[in-house]
Amino acid sequence: INVVAYEEEAKQGESSAFHQELQKLTKSITIV
């Protein structure tokens, strides 16, 4: 699983992508 924190997403009200990706996590994750 790979995610990048992006402030423009927060400004636009996106709040579920990180949670959704974590639900798929079983072995490893990279956060940028």
Full PDB file with SEQRES, HELIX, SHEET, SSBOND, CRYST1, ORIGX, SCALE, CONECT and MASTER records, all heavy atoms in Angstrom:
SEQRES   1 A   32  ILE ASN VAL VAL ALA TYR GLU GLU GLU ALA LYS GLN GLY          
SEQRES   2 A   32  GLU SER SER ALA PHE HIS GLN GLU LEU GLN LYS LEU THR          
SEQRES   3 A   32  LYS SER ILE THR ILE VAL                                      
HELIX    1 AA1 GLU A    7  LYS A   11  1                                   5    
HELIX    2 AA2 ALA A   17  LYS A   24  1                                   8    
SHEET    1 AA1 2 ASN A   2  VAL A   3  0                                        
SHEET    2 AA1 2 THR A  30  ILE A  31  1                                        
CRYST1    1.000    1.000    1.000  90.00  90.00  90.00 P 1           1          
ORIGX1      1.000000  0.000000  0.000000        0.00000                         
ORIGX2      0.000000  1.000000  0.000000        0.00000                         
ORIGX3      0.000000  0.000000  1.000000        0.00000                         
SCALE1      1.000000  0.000000  0.000000        0.00000                         
SCALE2      0.000000  1.000000  0.000000        0.00000                         
SCALE3      0.000000  0.000000  1.000000        0.00000                         
ATOM      1  N   ILE A   1       0.865  -1.184   0.000  1.00  0.00           N  
ATOM      2  CA  ILE A   1       0.000   0.000   0.000  1.00  0.00           C  
ATOM      3  C   ILE A   1       0.897   1.228   0.000  1.00  0.00           C  
ATOM      4  O   ILE A   1       1.898   1.276   0.737  1.00  0.00           O  
ATOM      5  CB  ILE A   1      -0.916   0.014   1.242  1.00  0.00           C  
ATOM      6  CG1 ILE A   1      -1.793  -1.249   1.289  1.00  0.00           C  
ATOM      7  CG2 ILE A   1      -1.762   1.290   1.282  1.00  0.00           C  
ATOM      8  CD1 ILE A   1      -2.777  -1.377   0.154  1.00  0.00           C  
ATOM      9  N   ASN A   2       0.543   2.232  -0.804  1.00  0.00           N  
ATOM     10  CA  ASN A   2       1.375   3.424  -0.917  1.00  0.00           C  
ATOM     11  C   ASN A   2       0.488   4.664  -0.924  1.00  0.00           C  
ATOM     12  O   ASN A   2      -0.448   4.757  -1.730  1.00  0.00           O  
ATOM     13  CB  ASN A   2       2.198   3.374  -2.209  1.00  0.00           C  
ATOM     14  CG  ASN A   2       3.052   2.118  -2.298  1.00  0.00           C  
ATOM     15  OD1 ASN A   2       4.094   2.033  -1.686  1.00  0.00           O  
ATOM     16  ND2 ASN A   2       2.582   1.122  -3.062  1.00  0.00           N  
ATOM     17  N   VAL A   3       0.770   5.605  -0.023  1.00  0.00           N  
ATOM     18  CA  VAL A   3      -0.033   6.824   0.063  1.00  0.00           C  
ATOM     19  C   VAL A   3       0.885   8.031   0.214  1.00  0.00           C  
ATOM     20  O   VAL A   3       1.977   7.941   0.771  1.00  0.00           O  
ATOM     21  CB  VAL A   3      -1.018   6.781   1.251  1.00  0.00           C  
ATOM     22  CG1 VAL A   3      -2.049   5.677   1.067  1.00  0.00           C  
ATOM     23  CG2 VAL A   3      -0.279   6.596   2.575  1.00  0.00           C  
ATOM     24  N   VAL A   4       0.422   9.170  -0.298  1.00  0.00           N  
ATOM     25  CA  VAL A   4       1.145  10.426  -0.136  1.00  0.00           C  
ATOM     26  C   VAL A   4       0.197  11.450   0.475  1.00  0.00           C  
ATOM     27  O   VAL A   4      -0.944  11.606   0.026  1.00  0.00           O  
ATOM     28  CB  VAL A   4       1.718  10.940  -1.480  1.00  0.00           C  
ATOM     29  CG1 VAL A   4       0.652  11.056  -2.558  1.00  0.00           C  
ATOM     30  CG2 VAL A   4       2.422  12.287  -1.275  1.00  0.00           C  
ATOM     31  N   ALA A   5       0.658  12.121   1.517  1.00  0.00           N  
ATOM     32  CA  ALA A   5      -0.131  13.184   2.138  1.00  0.00           C  
ATOM     33  C   ALA A   5      -0.057  14.409   1.234  1.00  0.00           C  
ATOM     34  O   ALA A   5       1.035  14.905   0.939  1.00  0.00           O  
ATOM     35  CB  ALA A   5       0.421  13.496   3.528  1.00  0.00           C  
ATOM     36  N   TYR A   6      -1.207  14.901   0.808  1.00  0.00           N  
ATOM     37  CA  TYR A   6      -1.240  16.016  -0.137  1.00  0.00           C  
ATOM     38  C   TYR A   6      -2.254  17.033   0.356  1.00  0.00           C  
ATOM     39  O   TYR A   6      -3.454  16.753   0.433  1.00  0.00           O  
ATOM     40  CB  TYR A   6      -1.604  15.509  -1.528  1.00  0.00           C  
ATOM     41  CG  TYR A   6      -1.488  16.540  -2.623  1.00  0.00           C  
ATOM     42  CD1 TYR A   6      -0.427  17.443  -2.662  1.00  0.00           C  
ATOM     43  CD2 TYR A   6      -2.437  16.600  -3.643  1.00  0.00           C  
ATOM     44  CE1 TYR A   6      -0.314  18.386  -3.682  1.00  0.00           C  
ATOM     45  CE2 TYR A   6      -2.323  17.524  -4.673  1.00  0.00           C  
ATOM     46  CZ  TYR A   6      -1.262  18.416  -4.678  1.00  0.00           C  
ATOM     47  OH  TYR A   6      -1.153  19.345  -5.684  1.00  0.00           O  
ATOM     48  N   GLU A   7      -1.759  18.237   0.676  1.00  0.00           N  
ATOM     49  CA  GLU A   7      -2.611  19.244   1.306  1.00  0.00           C  
ATOM     50  C   GLU A   7      -3.763  19.698   0.413  1.00  0.00           C  
ATOM     51  O   GLU A   7      -4.832  20.088   0.907  1.00  0.00           O  
ATOM     52  CB  GLU A   7      -1.787  20.455   1.737  1.00  0.00           C  
ATOM     53  CG  GLU A   7      -1.110  21.223   0.619  1.00  0.00           C  
ATOM     54  CD  GLU A   7       0.262  20.681   0.272  1.00  0.00           C  
ATOM     55  OE1 GLU A   7       0.583  19.534   0.648  1.00  0.00           O  
ATOM     56  OE2 GLU A   7       1.017  21.405  -0.402  1.00  0.00           O  
ATOM     57  N   GLU A   8      -3.586  19.621  -0.909  1.00  0.00           N  
ATOM     58  CA  GLU A   8      -4.665  20.036  -1.807  1.00  0.00           C  
ATOM     59  C   GLU A   8      -5.878  19.117  -1.678  1.00  0.00           C  
ATOM     60  O   GLU A   8      -7.023  19.553  -1.826  1.00  0.00           O  
ATOM     61  CB  GLU A   8      -4.171  20.067  -3.256  1.00  0.00           C  
ATOM     62  CG  GLU A   8      -3.115  21.134  -3.527  1.00  0.00           C  
ATOM     63  CD  GLU A   8      -3.579  22.531  -3.160  1.00  0.00           C  
ATOM     64  OE1 GLU A   8      -4.764  22.855  -3.430  1.00  0.00           O  
ATOM     65  OE2 GLU A   8      -2.780  23.301  -2.598  1.00  0.00           O  
ATOM     66  N   GLU A   9      -5.630  17.844  -1.385  1.00  0.00           N  
ATOM     67  CA  GLU A   9      -6.747  16.923  -1.160  1.00  0.00           C  
ATOM     68  C   GLU A   9      -7.516  17.313   0.096  1.00  0.00           C  
ATOM     69  O   GLU A   9      -8.744  17.269   0.133  1.00  0.00           O  
ATOM     70  CB  GLU A   9      -6.227  15.487  -1.033  1.00  0.00           C  
ATOM     71  CG  GLU A   9      -5.526  14.952  -2.275  1.00  0.00           C  
ATOM     72  CD  GLU A   9      -6.499  14.664  -3.405  1.00  0.00           C  
ATOM     73  OE1 GLU A   9      -7.718  14.672  -3.182  1.00  0.00           O  
ATOM     74  OE2 GLU A   9      -6.018  14.453  -4.538  1.00  0.00           O  
ATOM     75  N   ALA A  10      -6.756  17.704   1.142  1.00  0.00           N  
ATOM     76  CA  ALA A  10      -7.405  18.121   2.388  1.00  0.00           C  
ATOM     77  C   ALA A  10      -8.233  19.381   2.168  1.00  0.00           C  
ATOM     78  O   ALA A  10      -9.353  19.508   2.680  1.00  0.00           O  
ATOM     79  CB  ALA A  10      -6.350  18.356   3.467  1.00  0.00           C  
ATOM     80  N   LYS A  11      -7.697  20.334   1.384  1.00  0.00           N  
ATOM     81  CA  LYS A  11      -8.418  21.584   1.117  1.00  0.00           C  
ATOM     82  C   LYS A  11      -9.719  21.322   0.379  1.00  0.00           C  
ATOM     83  O   LYS A  11     -10.699  22.050   0.544  1.00  0.00           O  
ATOM     84  CB  LYS A  11      -7.539  22.517   0.292  1.00  0.00           C  
ATOM     85  CG  LYS A  11      -6.350  23.101   1.054  1.00  0.00           C  
ATOM     86  CD  LYS A  11      -5.503  23.958   0.135  1.00  0.00           C  
ATOM     87  CE  LYS A  11      -4.257  24.481   0.857  1.00  0.00           C  
ATOM     88  NZ  LYS A  11      -3.384  25.271  -0.065  1.00  0.00           N  
ATOM     89  N   GLN A  12      -9.726  20.264  -0.437  1.00  0.00           N  
ATOM     90  CA  GLN A  12     -10.923  19.934  -1.208  1.00  0.00           C  
ATOM     91  C   GLN A  12     -11.886  19.040  -0.439  1.00  0.00           C  
ATOM     92  O   GLN A  12     -12.910  18.621  -0.968  1.00  0.00           O  
ATOM     93  CB  GLN A  12     -10.502  19.266  -2.520  1.00  0.00           C  
ATOM     94  CG  GLN A  12      -9.727  20.199  -3.453  1.00  0.00           C  
ATOM     95  CD  GLN A  12      -9.071  19.469  -4.607  1.00  0.00           C  
ATOM     96  OE1 GLN A  12      -9.467  18.349  -4.932  1.00  0.00           O  
ATOM     97  NE2 GLN A  12      -8.074  20.081  -5.214  1.00  0.00           N  
ATOM     98  N   GLY A  13     -11.537  18.737   0.805  1.00  0.00           N  
ATOM     99  CA  GLY A  13     -12.437  17.979   1.663  1.00  0.00           C  
ATOM    100  C   GLY A  13     -12.296  16.478   1.588  1.00  0.00           C  
ATOM    101  O   GLY A  13     -13.093  15.751   2.192  1.00  0.00           O  
ATOM    102  N   GLU A  14     -11.286  15.958   0.843  1.00  0.00           N  
ATOM    103  CA  GLU A  14     -11.084  14.507   0.765  1.00  0.00           C  
ATOM    104  C   GLU A  14     -10.648  13.988   2.128  1.00  0.00           C  
ATOM    105  O   GLU A  14      -9.713  14.480   2.727  1.00  0.00           O  
ATOM    106  CB  GLU A  14     -10.006  14.196  -0.277  1.00  0.00           C  
ATOM    107  CG  GLU A  14      -9.847  12.711  -0.571  1.00  0.00           C  
ATOM    108  CD  GLU A  14      -9.135  11.952   0.542  1.00  0.00           C  
ATOM    109  OE1 GLU A  14      -8.071  12.412   0.988  1.00  0.00           O  
ATOM    110  OE2 GLU A  14      -9.684  10.928   0.987  1.00  0.00           O  
ATOM    111  N   SER A  15     -11.350  12.991   2.649  1.00  0.00           N  
ATOM    112  CA  SER A  15     -11.033  12.518   3.995  1.00  0.00           C  
ATOM    113  C   SER A  15     -11.112  11.005   4.145  1.00  0.00           C  
ATOM    114  O   SER A  15     -11.009  10.502   5.260  1.00  0.00           O  
ATOM    115  CB  SER A  15     -11.991  13.166   5.017  1.00  0.00           C  
ATOM    116  OG  SER A  15     -13.337  12.828   4.709  1.00  0.00           O  
ATOM    117  N   SER A  16     -11.282  10.285   3.031  1.00  0.00           N  
ATOM    118  CA  SER A  16     -11.505   8.848   3.171  1.00  0.00           C  
ATOM    119  C   SER A  16     -10.420   7.978   2.541  1.00  0.00           C  
ATOM    120  O   SER A  16     -10.340   6.790   2.838  1.00  0.00           O  
ATOM    121  CB  SER A  16     -12.851   8.463   2.553  1.00  0.00           C  
ATOM    122  OG  SER A  16     -12.869   8.776   1.156  1.00  0.00           O  
ATOM    123  N   ALA A  17      -9.584   8.546   1.666  1.00  0.00           N  
ATOM    124  CA  ALA A  17      -8.627   7.714   0.928  1.00  0.00           C  
ATOM    125  C   ALA A  17      -7.653   6.989   1.852  1.00  0.00           C  
ATOM    126  O   ALA A  17      -7.378   5.797   1.664  1.00  0.00           O  
ATOM    127  CB  ALA A  17      -7.862   8.568  -0.086  1.00  0.00           C  
ATOM    128  N   PHE A  18      -7.115   7.688   2.849  1.00  0.00           N  
ATOM    129  CA  PHE A  18      -6.163   7.060   3.767  1.00  0.00           C  
ATOM    130  C   PHE A  18      -6.841   5.914   4.511  1.00  0.00           C  
ATOM    131  O   PHE A  18      -6.292   4.807   4.619  1.00  0.00           O  
ATOM    132  CB  PHE A  18      -5.619   8.107   4.738  1.00  0.00           C  
ATOM    133  CG  PHE A  18      -4.494   7.621   5.619  1.00  0.00           C  
ATOM    134  CD1 PHE A  18      -3.547   6.708   5.165  1.00  0.00           C  
ATOM    135  CD2 PHE A  18      -4.362   8.089   6.926  1.00  0.00           C  
ATOM    136  CE1 PHE A  18      -2.509   6.269   5.974  1.00  0.00           C  
ATOM    137  CE2 PHE A  18      -3.327   7.666   7.746  1.00  0.00           C  
ATOM    138  CZ  PHE A  18      -2.407   6.744   7.275  1.00  0.00           C  
ATOM    139  N   HIS A  19      -8.037   6.154   5.007  1.00  0.00           N  
ATOM    140  CA  HIS A  19      -8.778   5.103   5.717  1.00  0.00           C  
ATOM    141  C   HIS A  19      -9.046   3.912   4.797  1.00  0.00           C  
ATOM    142  O   HIS A  19      -8.858   2.751   5.197  1.00  0.00           O  
ATOM    143  CB  HIS A  19     -10.103   5.669   6.225  1.00  0.00           C  
ATOM    144  CG  HIS A  19     -11.023   4.634   6.790  1.00  0.00           C  
ATOM    145  ND1 HIS A  19     -10.817   4.029   8.015  1.00  0.00           N  
ATOM    146  CD2 HIS A  19     -12.158   4.067   6.279  1.00  0.00           C  
ATOM    147  CE1 HIS A  19     -11.774   3.148   8.237  1.00  0.00           C  
ATOM    148  NE2 HIS A  19     -12.596   3.149   7.205  1.00  0.00           N  
ATOM    149  N   GLN A  20      -9.448   4.175   3.578  1.00  0.00           N  
ATOM    150  CA  GLN A  20      -9.757   3.095   2.636  1.00  0.00           C  
ATOM    151  C   GLN A  20      -8.521   2.262   2.318  1.00  0.00           C  
ATOM    152  O   GLN A  20      -8.598   1.031   2.236  1.00  0.00           O  
ATOM    153  CB  GLN A  20     -10.344   3.684   1.357  1.00  0.00           C  
ATOM    154  CG  GLN A  20     -11.744   4.268   1.539  1.00  0.00           C  
ATOM    155  CD  GLN A  20     -12.231   5.013   0.313  1.00  0.00           C  
ATOM    156  OE1 GLN A  20     -11.506   5.140  -0.682  1.00  0.00           O  
ATOM    157  NE2 GLN A  20     -13.454   5.518   0.372  1.00  0.00           N  
ATOM    158  N   GLU A  21      -7.377   2.917   2.151  1.00  0.00           N  
ATOM    159  CA  GLU A  21      -6.144   2.183   1.854  1.00  0.00           C  
ATOM    160  C   GLU A  21      -5.727   1.320   3.050  1.00  0.00           C  
ATOM    161  O   GLU A  21      -5.237   0.199   2.875  1.00  0.00           O  
ATOM    162  CB  GLU A  21      -5.022   3.148   1.467  1.00  0.00           C  
ATOM    163  CG  GLU A  21      -5.236   3.848   0.139  1.00  0.00           C  
ATOM    164  CD  GLU A  21      -5.407   2.868  -1.013  1.00  0.00           C  
ATOM    165  OE1 GLU A  21      -4.521   2.015  -1.193  1.00  0.00           O  
ATOM    166  OE2 GLU A  21      -6.435   2.958  -1.718  1.00  0.00           O  
ATOM    167  N   LEU A  22      -5.923   1.833   4.254  1.00  0.00           N  
ATOM    168  CA  LEU A  22      -5.545   1.061   5.445  1.00  0.00           C  
ATOM    169  C   LEU A  22      -6.387  -0.196   5.600  1.00  0.00           C  
ATOM    170  O   LEU A  22      -5.924  -1.184   6.183  1.00  0.00           O  
ATOM    171  CB  LEU A  22      -5.662   1.927   6.700  1.00  0.00           C  
ATOM    172  CG  LEU A  22      -4.621   3.041   6.862  1.00  0.00           C  
ATOM    173  CD1 LEU A  22      -4.819   3.773   8.191  1.00  0.00           C  
ATOM    174  CD2 LEU A  22      -3.196   2.496   6.783  1.00  0.00           C  
ATOM    175  N   GLN A  23      -7.603  -0.180   5.086  1.00  0.00           N  
ATOM    176  CA  GLN A  23      -8.451  -1.369   5.172  1.00  0.00           C  
ATOM    177  C   GLN A  23      -7.924  -2.502   4.281  1.00  0.00           C  
ATOM    178  O   GLN A  23      -8.253  -3.668   4.488  1.00  0.00           O  
ATOM    179  CB  GLN A  23      -9.898  -1.029   4.788  1.00  0.00           C  
ATOM    180  CG  GLN A  23     -10.524   0.086   5.612  1.00  0.00           C  
ATOM    181  CD  GLN A  23     -10.228  -0.014   7.088  1.00  0.00           C  
ATOM    182  OE1 GLN A  23     -10.587  -1.001   7.743  1.00  0.00           O  
ATOM    183  NE2 GLN A  23      -9.560   0.989   7.642  1.00  0.00           N  
ATOM    184  N   LYS A  24      -7.098  -2.160   3.284  1.00  0.00           N  
ATOM    185  CA  LYS A  24      -6.527  -3.162   2.392  1.00  0.00           C  
ATOM    186  C   LYS A  24      -5.189  -3.689   2.902  1.00  0.00           C  
ATOM    187  O   LYS A  24      -4.659  -4.673   2.371  1.00  0.00           O  
ATOM    188  CB  LYS A  24      -6.304  -2.559   1.000  1.00  0.00           C  
ATOM    189  CG  LYS A  24      -7.512  -1.890   0.374  1.00  0.00           C  
ATOM    190  CD  LYS A  24      -7.090  -1.177  -0.920  1.00  0.00           C  
ATOM    191  CE  LYS A  24      -8.184  -0.295  -1.476  1.00  0.00           C  
ATOM    192  NZ  LYS A  24      -7.705   0.477  -2.653  1.00  0.00           N  
ATOM    193  N   LEU A  25      -4.642  -3.048   3.912  1.00  0.00           N  
ATOM    194  CA  LEU A  25      -3.274  -3.328   4.355  1.00  0.00           C  
ATOM    195  C   LEU A  25      -3.157  -4.683   5.050  1.00  0.00           C  
ATOM    196  O   LEU A  25      -3.890  -4.974   5.994  1.00  0.00           O  
ATOM    197  CB  LEU A  25      -2.827  -2.214   5.316  1.00  0.00           C  
ATOM    198  CG  LEU A  25      -1.448  -2.331   5.956  1.00  0.00           C  
ATOM    199  CD1 LEU A  25      -0.349  -2.386   4.906  1.00  0.00           C  
ATOM    200  CD2 LEU A  25      -1.209  -1.156   6.913  1.00  0.00           C  
ATOM    201  N   THR A  26      -2.208  -5.503   4.563  1.00  0.00           N  
ATOM    202  CA  THR A  26      -1.936  -6.785   5.217  1.00  0.00           C  
ATOM    203  C   THR A  26      -0.457  -6.987   5.535  1.00  0.00           C  
ATOM    204  O   THR A  26      -0.115  -7.676   6.482  1.00  0.00           O  
ATOM    205  CB  THR A  26      -2.397  -7.965   4.335  1.00  0.00           C  
ATOM    206  OG1 THR A  26      -1.677  -7.945   3.100  1.00  0.00           O  
ATOM    207  CG2 THR A  26      -3.892  -7.888   4.054  1.00  0.00           C  
ATOM    208  N   LYS A  27       0.435  -6.388   4.744  1.00  0.00           N  
ATOM    209  CA  LYS A  27       1.862  -6.680   4.920  1.00  0.00           C  
ATOM    210  C   LYS A  27       2.732  -5.438   5.073  1.00  0.00           C  
ATOM    211  O   LYS A  27       3.552  -5.359   5.986  1.00  0.00           O  
ATOM    212  CB  LYS A  27       2.386  -7.499   3.727  1.00  0.00           C  
ATOM    213  CG  LYS A  27       1.771  -8.886   3.606  1.00  0.00           C  
ATOM    214  CD  LYS A  27       2.338  -9.609   2.388  1.00  0.00           C  
ATOM    215  CE  LYS A  27       1.720 -10.992   2.228  1.00  0.00           C  
ATOM    216  NZ  LYS A  27       2.244 -11.682   1.014  1.00  0.00           N  
ATOM    217  N   SER A  28       2.576  -4.472   4.175  1.00  0.00           N  
ATOM    218  CA  SER A  28       3.508  -3.343   4.187  1.00  0.00           C  
ATOM    219  C   SER A  28       2.865  -2.092   3.613  1.00  0.00           C  
ATOM    220  O   SER A  28       1.969  -2.172   2.764  1.00  0.00           O  
ATOM    221  CB  SER A  28       4.771  -3.688   3.387  1.00  0.00           C  
ATOM    222  OG  SER A  28       4.452  -3.944   2.029  1.00  0.00           O  
ATOM    223  N   ILE A  29       3.353  -0.937   4.070  1.00  0.00           N  
ATOM    224  CA  ILE A  29       2.828   0.336   3.603  1.00  0.00           C  
ATOM    225  C   ILE A  29       3.953   1.355   3.535  1.00  0.00           C  
ATOM    226  O   ILE A  29       4.843   1.374   4.395  1.00  0.00           O  
ATOM    227  CB  ILE A  29       1.687   0.849   4.522  1.00  0.00           C  
ATOM    228  CG1 ILE A  29       1.127   2.184   3.992  1.00  0.00           C  
ATOM    229  CG2 ILE A  29       2.152   0.991   5.958  1.00  0.00           C  
ATOM    230  CD1 ILE A  29      -0.154   2.610   4.706  1.00  0.00           C  
ATOM    231  N   THR A  30       3.931   2.168   2.499  1.00  0.00           N  
ATOM    232  CA  THR A  30       4.844   3.309   2.376  1.00  0.00           C  
ATOM    233  C   THR A  30       4.018   4.580   2.462  1.00  0.00           C  
ATOM    234  O   THR A  30       3.027   4.731   1.743  1.00  0.00           O  
ATOM    235  CB  THR A  30       5.603   3.279   1.031  1.00  0.00           C  
ATOM    236  OG1 THR A  30       6.505   2.168   1.042  1.00  0.00           O  
ATOM    237  CG2 THR A  30       6.410   4.554   0.829  1.00  0.00           C  
ATOM    238  N   ILE A  31       4.420   5.478   3.370  1.00  0.00           N  
ATOM    239  CA  ILE A  31       3.763   6.774   3.465  1.00  0.00           C  
ATOM    240  C   ILE A  31       4.770   7.841   3.039  1.00  0.00           C  
ATOM    241  O   ILE A  31       5.925   7.813   3.432  1.00  0.00           O  
ATOM    242  CB  ILE A  31       3.217   7.047   4.883  1.00  0.00           C  
ATOM    243  CG1 ILE A  31       4.324   6.988   5.934  1.00  0.00           C  
ATOM    244  CG2 ILE A  31       2.120   6.055   5.235  1.00  0.00           C  
ATOM    245  CD1 ILE A  31       3.839   7.332   7.348  1.00  0.00           C  
ATOM    246  N   VAL A  32       4.307   8.764   2.210  1.00  0.00           N  
ATOM    247  CA  VAL A  32       5.170   9.803   1.653  1.00  0.00           C  
ATOM    248  C   VAL A  32       4.680  11.156   2.146  1.00  0.00           C  
ATOM    249  O   VAL A  32       3.495  11.484   2.008  1.00  0.00           O  
ATOM    250  CB  VAL A  32       5.169   9.769   0.112  1.00  0.00           C  
ATOM    251  CG1 VAL A  32       6.182  10.759  -0.445  1.00  0.00           C  
ATOM    252  CG2 VAL A  32       5.456   8.355  -0.403  1.00  0.00           C  
TER     253      VAL A  32                                                      
MASTER        0    0    0    2    2    0    0    6  252    1    0    3          
END                                                                             
